[in-house]
PDB file of N, CA and C in Angstrom:
ATOM      1  N   MET A   1       2.766  23.139  26.002  1.00  0.00           N
ATOM      2  CA  MET A   1       2.450  22.257  25.125  1.00  0.00           C
ATOM      3  C   MET A   1       1.839  20.685  26.064  1.00  0.00           C
ATOM      4  N   ARG A   2       1.975  20.485  27.030  1.00  0.00           N
ATOM      5  CA  ARG A   2       1.583  19.865  27.980  1.00  0.00           C
ATOM      6  C   ARG A   2      -0.286  19.416  28.815  1.00  0.00           C
ATOM      7  N   ASP A   3      -0.802  20.916  28.275  1.00  0.00           N
ATOM      8  CA  ASP A   3      -1.922  20.401  27.899  1.00  0.00           C
ATOM      9  C   ASP A   3      -2.742  20.790  26.438  1.00  0.00           C
ATOM     10  N   ALA A   4      -2.185  20.339  25.395  1.00  0.00           N
ATOM     11  CA  ALA A   4      -2.621  20.070  24.462  1.00  0.00           C
ATOM     12  C   ALA A   4      -3.433  19.119  23.831  1.00  0.00           C
ATOM     13  N   TRP A   5      -4.105  19.207  22.804  1.00  0.00           N
ATOM     14  CA  TRP A   5      -5.154  18.027  22.512  1.00  0.00           C
ATOM     15  C   TRP A   5      -4.957  18.514  20.638  1.00  0.00           C
ATOM     16  N   VAL A   6      -5.618  17.257  19.994  1.00  0.00           N
ATOM     17  CA  VAL A   6      -5.298  16.719  18.790  1.00  0.00           C
ATOM     18  C   VAL A   6      -6.372  16.427  18.313  1.00  0.00           C
ATOM     19  N   GLU A   7      -7.240  17.000  17.717  1.00  0.00           N
ATOM     20  CA  GLU A   7      -8.750  16.388  17.196  1.00  0.00           C
ATOM     21  C   GLU A   7      -8.248  15.456  15.864  1.00  0.00           C
ATOM     22  N   CYS A   8      -8.864  14.862  15.956  1.00  0.00           N
ATOM     23  CA  CYS A   8      -8.974  13.350  14.322  1.00  0.00           C
ATOM     24  C   CYS A   8     -10.600  13.530  14.174  1.00  0.00           C
ATOM     25  N   VAL A   9     -10.983  13.551  12.995  1.00  0.00           N
ATOM     26  CA  VAL A   9     -11.900  13.321  12.050  1.00  0.00           C
ATOM     27  C   VAL A   9     -12.143  12.211  11.383  1.00  0.00           C
ATOM     28  N   PRO A  10     -11.704  10.866  11.828  1.00  0.00           N
ATOM     29  CA  PRO A  10     -12.036   9.742  10.525  1.00  0.00           C
ATOM     30  C   PRO A  10     -13.382   9.830  10.049  1.00  0.00           C
ATOM     31  N   ASN A  11     -13.154   9.382   8.846  1.00  0.00           N
ATOM     32  CA  ASN A  11     -14.567   9.535   8.449  1.00  0.00           C
ATOM     33  C   ASN A  11     -14.142   7.501   7.887  1.00  0.00           C
ATOM     34  N   VAL A  12     -15.086   6.512   8.703  1.00  0.00           N
ATOM     35  CA  VAL A  12     -15.483   5.559   8.299  1.00  0.00           C
ATOM     36  C   VAL A  12     -16.320   4.767   7.974  1.00  0.00           C
ATOM     37  N   SER A  13     -16.313   3.826   6.196  1.00  0.00           N
ATOM     38  CA  SER A  13     -17.069   3.417   5.207  1.00  0.00           C
ATOM     39  C   SER A  13     -18.118   2.166   5.954  1.00  0.00           C
ATOM     40  N   GLU A  14     -18.706   2.691   7.100  1.00  0.00           N
ATOM     41  CA  GLU A  14     -19.470   1.907   7.884  1.00  0.00           C
ATOM     42  C   GLU A  14     -20.758   2.857   8.466  1.00  0.00           C
ATOM     43  N   GLY A  15     -22.057   2.644   7.992  1.00  0.00           N
ATOM     44  CA  GLY A  15     -22.692   3.284   8.998  1.00  0.00           C
ATOM     45  C   GLY A  15     -23.818   2.666   9.067  1.00  0.00           C
ATOM     46  N   ARG A  16     -24.182   1.302   9.144  1.00  0.00           N
ATOM     47  CA  ARG A  16     -25.852   0.274   9.048  1.00  0.00           C
ATOM     48  C   ARG A  16     -25.188  -0.402  10.045  1.00  0.00           C
ATOM     49  N   ARG A  17     -24.296  -0.727  10.492  1.00  0.00           N
ATOM     50  CA  ARG A  17     -24.388  -2.248  11.278  1.00  0.00           C
ATOM     51  C   ARG A  17     -24.036  -1.451  13.045  1.00  0.00           C
ATOM     52  N   PRO A  18     -24.986  -1.343  13.453  1.00  0.00           N
ATOM     53  CA  PRO A  18     -24.423  -0.643  15.219  1.00  0.00           C
ATOM     54  C   PRO A  18     -23.657  -1.424  15.876  1.00  0.00           C
ATOM     55  N   GLU A  19     -23.552  -2.394  15.662  1.00  0.00           N
ATOM     56  CA  GLU A  19     -22.370  -3.513  16.107  1.00  0.00           C
ATOM     57  C   GLU A  19     -21.112  -3.795  15.609  1.00  0.00           C
ATOM     58  N   VAL A  20     -21.287  -3.239  14.841  1.00  0.00           N
ATOM     59  CA  VAL A  20     -19.521  -2.743  14.475  1.00  0.00           C
ATOM     60  C   VAL A  20     -19.348  -0.841  14.541  1.00  0.00           C
ATOM     61  N   LEU A  21     -20.146  -0.475  14.702  1.00  0.00           N
ATOM     62  CA  LEU A  21     -19.976   0.916  15.343  1.00  0.00           C
ATOM     63  C   LEU A  21     -19.370   1.028  16.631  1.00  0.00           C
ATOM     64  N   ALA A  22     -20.472   0.435  17.505  1.00  0.00           N
ATOM     65  CA  ALA A  22     -20.160   0.106  18.964  1.00  0.00           C
ATOM     66  C   ALA A  22     -18.718  -0.331  19.169  1.00  0.00           C
ATOM     67  N   ALA A  23     -18.419  -1.461  18.340  1.00  0.00           N
ATOM     68  CA  ALA A  23     -16.955  -1.991  18.401  1.00  0.00           C
ATOM     69  C   ALA A  23     -15.564  -0.715  18.275  1.00  0.00           C
ATOM     70  N   LEU A  24     -16.208  -0.099  17.358  1.00  0.00           N
ATOM     71  CA  LEU A  24     -15.112   0.694  16.984  1.00  0.00           C
ATOM     72  C   LEU A  24     -14.652   1.567  18.319  1.00  0.00           C
ATOM     73  N   ALA A  25     -15.865   2.105  18.465  1.00  0.00           N
ATOM     74  CA  ALA A  25     -16.189   3.034  19.375  1.00  0.00           C
ATOM     75  C   ALA A  25     -15.755   2.831  20.483  1.00  0.00           C
ATOM     76  N   GLN A  26     -15.995   1.169  20.982  1.00  0.00           N
ATOM     77  CA  GLN A  26     -14.907   0.495  22.157  1.00  0.00           C
ATOM     78  C   GLN A  26     -13.225   0.822  21.795  1.00  0.00           C
ATOM     79  N   ARG A  27     -12.879   0.766  20.938  1.00  0.00           N
ATOM     80  CA  ARG A  27     -11.679   0.301  20.816  1.00  0.00           C
ATOM     81  C   ARG A  27     -10.895   1.832  20.808  1.00  0.00           C
ATOM     82  N   VAL A  28     -11.252   2.910  20.514  1.00  0.00           N
ATOM     83  CA  VAL A  28     -11.496   4.294  20.034  1.00  0.00           C
ATOM     84  C   VAL A  28     -11.598   4.199  22.113  1.00  0.00           C
ATOM     85  N   ARG A  29     -12.035   4.025  23.132  1.00  0.00           N
ATOM     86  CA  ARG A  29     -12.625   3.792  24.398  1.00  0.00           C
ATOM     87  C   ARG A  29     -11.134   3.374  25.019  1.00  0.00           C
ATOM     88  N   SER A  30     -10.532   2.315  24.510  1.00  0.00           N
ATOM     89  CA  SER A  30      -9.435   1.745  25.524  1.00  0.00           C
ATOM     90  C   SER A  30      -8.104   2.317  25.066  1.00  0.00           C
ATOM     91  N   VAL A  31      -7.917   3.561  24.346  1.00  0.00           N
ATOM     92  CA  VAL A  31      -6.744   4.371  24.401  1.00  0.00           C
ATOM     93  C   VAL A  31      -6.525   5.211  25.647  1.00  0.00           C
ATOM     94  N   GLU A  32      -5.400   5.682  25.961  1.00  0.00           N
ATOM     95  CA  GLU A  32      -5.169   5.934  27.120  1.00  0.00           C
ATOM     96  C   GLU A  32      -4.641   7.532  26.950  1.00  0.00           C
ATOM     97  N   GLY A  33      -5.330   8.710  26.928  1.00  0.00           N
ATOM     98  CA  GLY A  33      -5.191   9.356  26.680  1.00  0.00           C
ATOM     99  C   GLY A  33      -6.433  10.066  25.319  1.00  0.00           C
ATOM    100  N   ALA A  34      -7.417   9.402  24.956  1.00  0.00           N
ATOM    101  CA  ALA A  34      -7.731   9.683  23.578  1.00  0.00           C
ATOM    102  C   ALA A  34      -9.396   9.666  24.298  1.00  0.00           C
ATOM    103  N   TYR A  35     -10.227  10.375  23.641  1.00  0.00           N
ATOM    104  CA  TYR A  35     -11.667  10.136  23.943  1.00  0.00           C
ATOM    105  C   TYR A  35     -12.519  10.410  22.878  1.00  0.00           C
ATOM    106  N   LEU A  36     -13.510  10.002  23.017  1.00  0.00           N
ATOM    107  CA  LEU A  36     -14.870   9.632  21.518  1.00  0.00           C
ATOM    108  C   LEU A  36     -15.460  10.941  21.957  1.00  0.00           C
ATOM    109  N   LEU A  37     -15.810  12.197  21.155  1.00  0.00           N
ATOM    110  CA  LEU A  37     -16.419  12.857  21.730  1.00  0.00           C
ATOM    111  C   LEU A  37     -18.253  12.592  20.742  1.00  0.00           C
ATOM    112  N   HIS A  38     -18.035  12.500  19.922  1.00  0.00           N
ATOM    113  CA  HIS A  38     -19.279  12.366  18.814  1.00  0.00           C
ATOM    114  C   HIS A  38     -19.271  11.389  17.542  1.00  0.00           C
ATOM    115  N   THR A  39     -20.207  10.672  17.170  1.00  0.00           N
ATOM    116  CA  THR A  39     -20.169  10.026  16.375  1.00  0.00           C
ATOM    117  C   THR A  39     -21.384  10.014  15.345  1.00  0.00           C
ATOM    118  N   ASP A  40     -21.476  10.064  14.051  1.00  0.00           N
ATOM    119  CA  ASP A  40     -22.658  10.416  12.858  1.00  0.00           C
ATOM    120  C   ASP A  40     -22.360   9.019  11.705  1.00  0.00           C
ATOM    121  N   ALA A  41     -23.467   8.034  12.291  1.00  0.00           N
ATOM    122  CA  ALA A  41     -23.808   7.752  11.163  1.00  0.00           C
ATOM    123  C   ALA A  41     -24.396   8.208   9.998  1.00  0.00           C
ATOM    124  N   ASP A  42     -24.458   7.602   8.912  1.00  0.00           N
ATOM    125  CA  ASP A  42     -25.472   7.978   7.927  1.00  0.00           C
ATOM    126  C   ASP A  42     -25.633   6.357   7.294  1.00  0.00           C
ATOM    127  N   ALA A  43     -26.485   6.359   7.099  1.00  0.00           N
ATOM    128  CA  ALA A  43     -27.698   4.817   6.625  1.00  0.00           C
ATOM    129  C   ALA A  43     -26.990   4.714   4.968  1.00  0.00           C
ATOM    130  N   ASP A  44     -27.475   5.522   4.624  1.00  0.00           N
ATOM    131  CA  ASP A  44     -27.898   6.409   2.872  1.00  0.00           C
ATOM    132  C   ASP A  44     -26.439   5.821   2.727  1.00  0.00           C
ATOM    133  N   HIS A  45     -25.199   6.852   2.891  1.00  0.00           N
ATOM    134  CA  HIS A  45     -24.138   6.684   2.212  1.00  0.00           C
ATOM    135  C   HIS A  45     -23.006   5.190   2.851  1.00  0.00           C
ATOM    136  N   ASN A  46     -23.588   4.540   3.697  1.00  0.00           N
ATOM    137  CA  ASN A  46     -22.646   3.571   4.739  1.00  0.00           C
ATOM    138  C   ASN A  46     -21.331   3.973   5.117  1.00  0.00           C
ATOM    139  N   ARG A  47     -21.589   5.276   5.920  1.00  0.00           N
ATOM    140  CA  ARG A  47     -20.638   5.916   6.693  1.00  0.00           C
ATOM    141  C   ARG A  47     -20.434   6.489   7.357  1.00  0.00           C
ATOM    142  N   SER A  48     -19.503   6.571   8.316  1.00  0.00           N
ATOM    143  CA  SER A  48     -19.474   7.560   9.956  1.00  0.00           C
ATOM    144  C   SER A  48     -18.746   8.101  10.412  1.00  0.00           C
ATOM    145  N   VAL A  49     -19.001   9.254  11.010  1.00  0.00           N
ATOM    146  CA  VAL A  49     -17.526   9.903  10.949  1.00  0.00           C
ATOM    147  C   VAL A  49     -17.558   9.915  12.842  1.00  0.00           C
ATOM    148  N   PHE A  50     -16.468  10.020  13.219  1.00  0.00           N
ATOM    149  CA  PHE A  50     -16.126  10.347  13.900  1.00  0.00           C
ATOM    150  C   PHE A  50     -15.465  11.287  14.864  1.00  0.00           C
ATOM    151  N   THR A  51     -15.911  11.970  15.946  1.00  0.00           N
ATOM    152  CA  THR A  51     -14.945  13.230  16.255  1.00  0.00           C
ATOM    153  C   THR A  51     -14.076  12.307  17.777  1.00  0.00           C
ATOM    154  N   LEU A  52     -12.864  12.518  17.318  1.00  0.00           N
ATOM    155  CA  LEU A  52     -12.076  12.057  18.446  1.00  0.00           C
ATOM    156  C   LEU A  52     -11.061  13.657  19.004  1.00  0.00           C
ATOM    157  N   VAL A  53     -10.794  13.755  19.994  1.00  0.00           N
ATOM    158  CA  VAL A  53      -9.107  14.290  20.841  1.00  0.00           C
ATOM    159  C   VAL A  53      -8.477  13.092  21.367  1.00  0.00           C
ATOM    160  N   ALA A  54      -7.013  13.086  21.325  1.00  0.00           N
ATOM    161  CA  ALA A  54      -6.446  12.552  22.179  1.00  0.00           C
ATOM    162  C   ALA A  54      -5.501  13.820  22.152  1.00  0.00           C
ATOM    163  N   ARG A  55      -4.295  13.195  23.290  1.00  0.00           N
ATOM    164  CA  ARG A  55      -3.364  13.985  23.729  1.00  0.00           C
ATOM    165  C   ARG A  55      -2.059  13.608  23.073  1.00  0.00           C
ATOM    166  N   PRO A  56      -0.840  14.678  22.614  1.00  0.00           N
ATOM    167  CA  PRO A  56      -0.381  14.299  21.441  1.00  0.00           C
ATOM    168  C   PRO A  56       0.317  13.345  21.535  1.00  0.00           C
ATOM    169  N   TRP A  57       0.780  12.643  22.817  1.00  0.00           N
ATOM    170  CA  TRP A  57       1.212  11.149  22.734  1.00  0.00           C
ATOM    171  C   TRP A  57       0.747   9.942  22.439  1.00  0.00           C
ATOM    172  N   ALA A  58      -0.641  10.128  22.580  1.00  0.00           N
ATOM    173  CA  ALA A  58      -1.757   8.964  22.092  1.00  0.00           C
ATOM    174  C   ALA A  58      -2.185   9.354  20.786  1.00  0.00           C
ATOM    175  N   VAL A  59      -1.900  10.152  20.244  1.00  0.00           N
ATOM    176  CA  VAL A  59      -2.769  10.240  18.277  1.00  0.00           C
ATOM    177  C   VAL A  59      -2.031   8.987  18.107  1.00  0.00           C
ATOM    178  N   ARG A  60      -0.742   8.383  17.750  1.00  0.00           N
ATOM    179  CA  ARG A  60      -0.188   7.592  16.938  1.00  0.00           C
ATOM    180  C   ARG A  60      -1.234   6.152  17.111  1.00  0.00           C
ATOM    181  N   GLU A  61      -0.924   6.066  18.662  1.00  0.00           N
ATOM    182  CA  GLU A  61      -1.919   4.642  18.753  1.00  0.00           C
ATOM    183  C   GLU A  61      -3.625   4.689  18.611  1.00  0.00           C
ATOM    184  N   LEU A  62      -3.841   5.687  19.038  1.00  0.00           N
ATOM    185  CA  LEU A  62      -5.855   6.025  18.355  1.00  0.00           C
ATOM    186  C   LEU A  62      -5.551   5.926  17.076  1.00  0.00           C
ATOM    187  N   GLY A  63      -4.640   6.191  16.485  1.00  0.00           N
ATOM    188  CA  GLY A  63      -5.156   5.605  14.415  1.00  0.00           C
ATOM    189  C   GLY A  63      -5.021   4.412  14.536  1.00  0.00           C
ATOM    190  N   LEU A  64      -3.537   4.348  15.090  1.00  0.00           N
ATOM    191  CA  LEU A  64      -3.791   2.523  14.614  1.00  0.00           C
ATOM    192  C   LEU A  64      -4.546   1.372  15.228  1.00  0.00           C
ATOM    193  N   ALA A  65      -4.734   1.976  16.389  1.00  0.00           N
ATOM    194  CA  ALA A  65      -6.228   1.260  16.873  1.00  0.00           C
ATOM    195  C   ALA A  65      -7.227   1.316  16.466  1.00  0.00           C
ATOM    196  N   LEU A  66      -7.942   2.327  15.870  1.00  0.00           N
ATOM    197  CA  LEU A  66      -9.192   2.612  15.056  1.00  0.00           C
ATOM    198  C   LEU A  66      -8.981   1.704  14.033  1.00  0.00           C
ATOM    199  N   MET A  67      -7.447   1.746  13.168  1.00  0.00           N
ATOM    200  CA  MET A  67      -7.730   1.126  11.498  1.00  0.00           C
ATOM    201  C   MET A  67      -7.323   0.016  11.841  1.00  0.00           C
ATOM    202  N   ASP A  68      -6.439  -0.920  13.347  1.00  0.00           N
ATOM    203  CA  ASP A  68      -7.093  -1.975  13.546  1.00  0.00           C
ATOM    204  C   ASP A  68      -8.913  -2.615  13.160  1.00  0.00           C
ATOM    205  N   GLU A  69      -8.774  -2.006  14.491  1.00  0.00           N
ATOM    206  CA  GLU A  69     -10.406  -2.510  14.389  1.00  0.00           C
ATOM    207  C   GLU A  69     -11.466  -1.968  13.014  1.00  0.00           C
ATOM    208  N   VAL A  70     -11.000  -1.146  12.249  1.00  0.00           N
ATOM    209  CA  VAL A  70     -11.858  -0.894  10.872  1.00  0.00           C
ATOM    210  C   VAL A  70     -11.492  -2.256   9.680  1.00  0.00           C
ATOM    211  N   MET A  71     -10.556  -2.652  10.228  1.00  0.00           N
ATOM    212  CA  MET A  71     -10.110  -3.923   9.214  1.00  0.00           C
ATOM    213  C   MET A  71     -10.456  -5.029   9.420  1.00  0.00           C
ATOM    214  N   ARG A  72     -10.863  -5.053  10.699  1.00  0.00           N
ATOM    215  CA  ARG A  72     -11.336  -6.146  11.009  1.00  0.00           C
ATOM    216  C   ARG A  72     -13.302  -6.422  10.903  1.00  0.00           C
ATOM    217  N   HIS A  73     -13.402  -5.131  10.399  1.00  0.00           N
ATOM    218  CA  HIS A  73     -14.547  -5.114  10.491  1.00  0.00           C
ATOM    219  C   HIS A  73     -15.573  -4.641   8.835  1.00  0.00           C
ATOM    220  N   VAL A  74     -14.856  -4.183   8.223  1.00  0.00           N
ATOM    221  CA  VAL A  74     -14.963  -3.258   6.801  1.00  0.00           C
ATOM    222  C   VAL A  74     -14.068  -4.079   5.941  1.00  0.00           C
ATOM    223  N   ASP A  75     -14.872  -4.450   5.013  1.00  0.00           N
ATOM    224  CA  ASP A  75     -14.683  -4.842   3.515  1.00  0.00           C
ATOM    225  C   ASP A  75     -14.951  -3.990   2.490  1.00  0.00           C
ATOM    226  N   LEU A  76     -14.436  -3.776   2.375  1.00  0.00           N
ATOM    227  CA  LEU A  76     -14.652  -1.963   0.368  1.00  0.00           C
ATOM    228  C   LEU A  76     -15.341  -2.674  -0.400  1.00  0.00           C
ATOM    229  N   ARG A  77     -14.676  -4.226  -0.398  1.00  0.00           N
ATOM    230  CA  ARG A  77     -15.543  -4.981  -1.312  1.00  0.00           C
ATOM    231  C   ARG A  77     -16.790  -5.169  -1.462  1.00  0.00           C
ATOM    232  N   ASP A  78     -17.571  -5.190  -0.217  1.00  0.00           N
ATOM    233  CA  ASP A  78     -18.663  -5.434   0.362  1.00  0.00           C
ATOM    234  C   ASP A  78     -19.588  -4.153   0.222  1.00  0.00           C
ATOM    235  N   HIS A  79     -19.035  -2.955  -0.165  1.00  0.00           N
ATOM    236  CA  HIS A  79     -19.247  -1.561   0.849  1.00  0.00           C
ATOM    237  C   HIS A  79     -20.666  -1.312  -1.115  1.00  0.00           C
ATOM    238  N   ASP A  80     -21.618  -0.954   0.174  1.00  0.00           N
ATOM    239  CA  ASP A  80     -22.608   0.081  -0.855  1.00  0.00           C
ATOM    240  C   ASP A  80     -23.102   1.008  -0.599  1.00  0.00           C
ATOM    241  N   GLY A  81     -23.156   1.805  -0.983  1.00  0.00           N
ATOM    242  CA  GLY A  81     -23.779   3.510  -0.236  1.00  0.00           C
ATOM    243  C   GLY A  81     -23.793   4.905  -1.493  1.00  0.00           C
ATOM    244  N   VAL A  82     -25.095   5.403  -0.848  1.00  0.00           N
ATOM    245  CA  VAL A  82     -24.822   6.697  -1.740  1.00  0.00           C
ATOM    246  C   VAL A  82     -23.705   7.639  -1.766  1.00  0.00           C
ATOM    247  N   HIS A  83     -23.202   7.875  -3.168  1.00  0.00           N
ATOM    248  CA  HIS A  83     -21.639   8.568  -2.865  1.00  0.00           C
ATOM    249  C   HIS A  83     -21.803   9.718  -4.189  1.00  0.00           C
TER     250      HIS A  83
END
């Protein structure tokens, strides 16, 4: 189990503001034992998909860190996109 990895693929309701996506990516990179593999932003849907991997012991911290950063930048009351 020491060599195990967990893949996480969260969707974030932001796909138009590069500065916000950069802040989210930086927050993910700040978590020890977690790595950002890919980000796919979709401006039409105003959504981004992050592909992350983390050691099992880092998954909780990774999720909380990303959630905290999303809450700083994303307000769904102002969100619009094609759905």
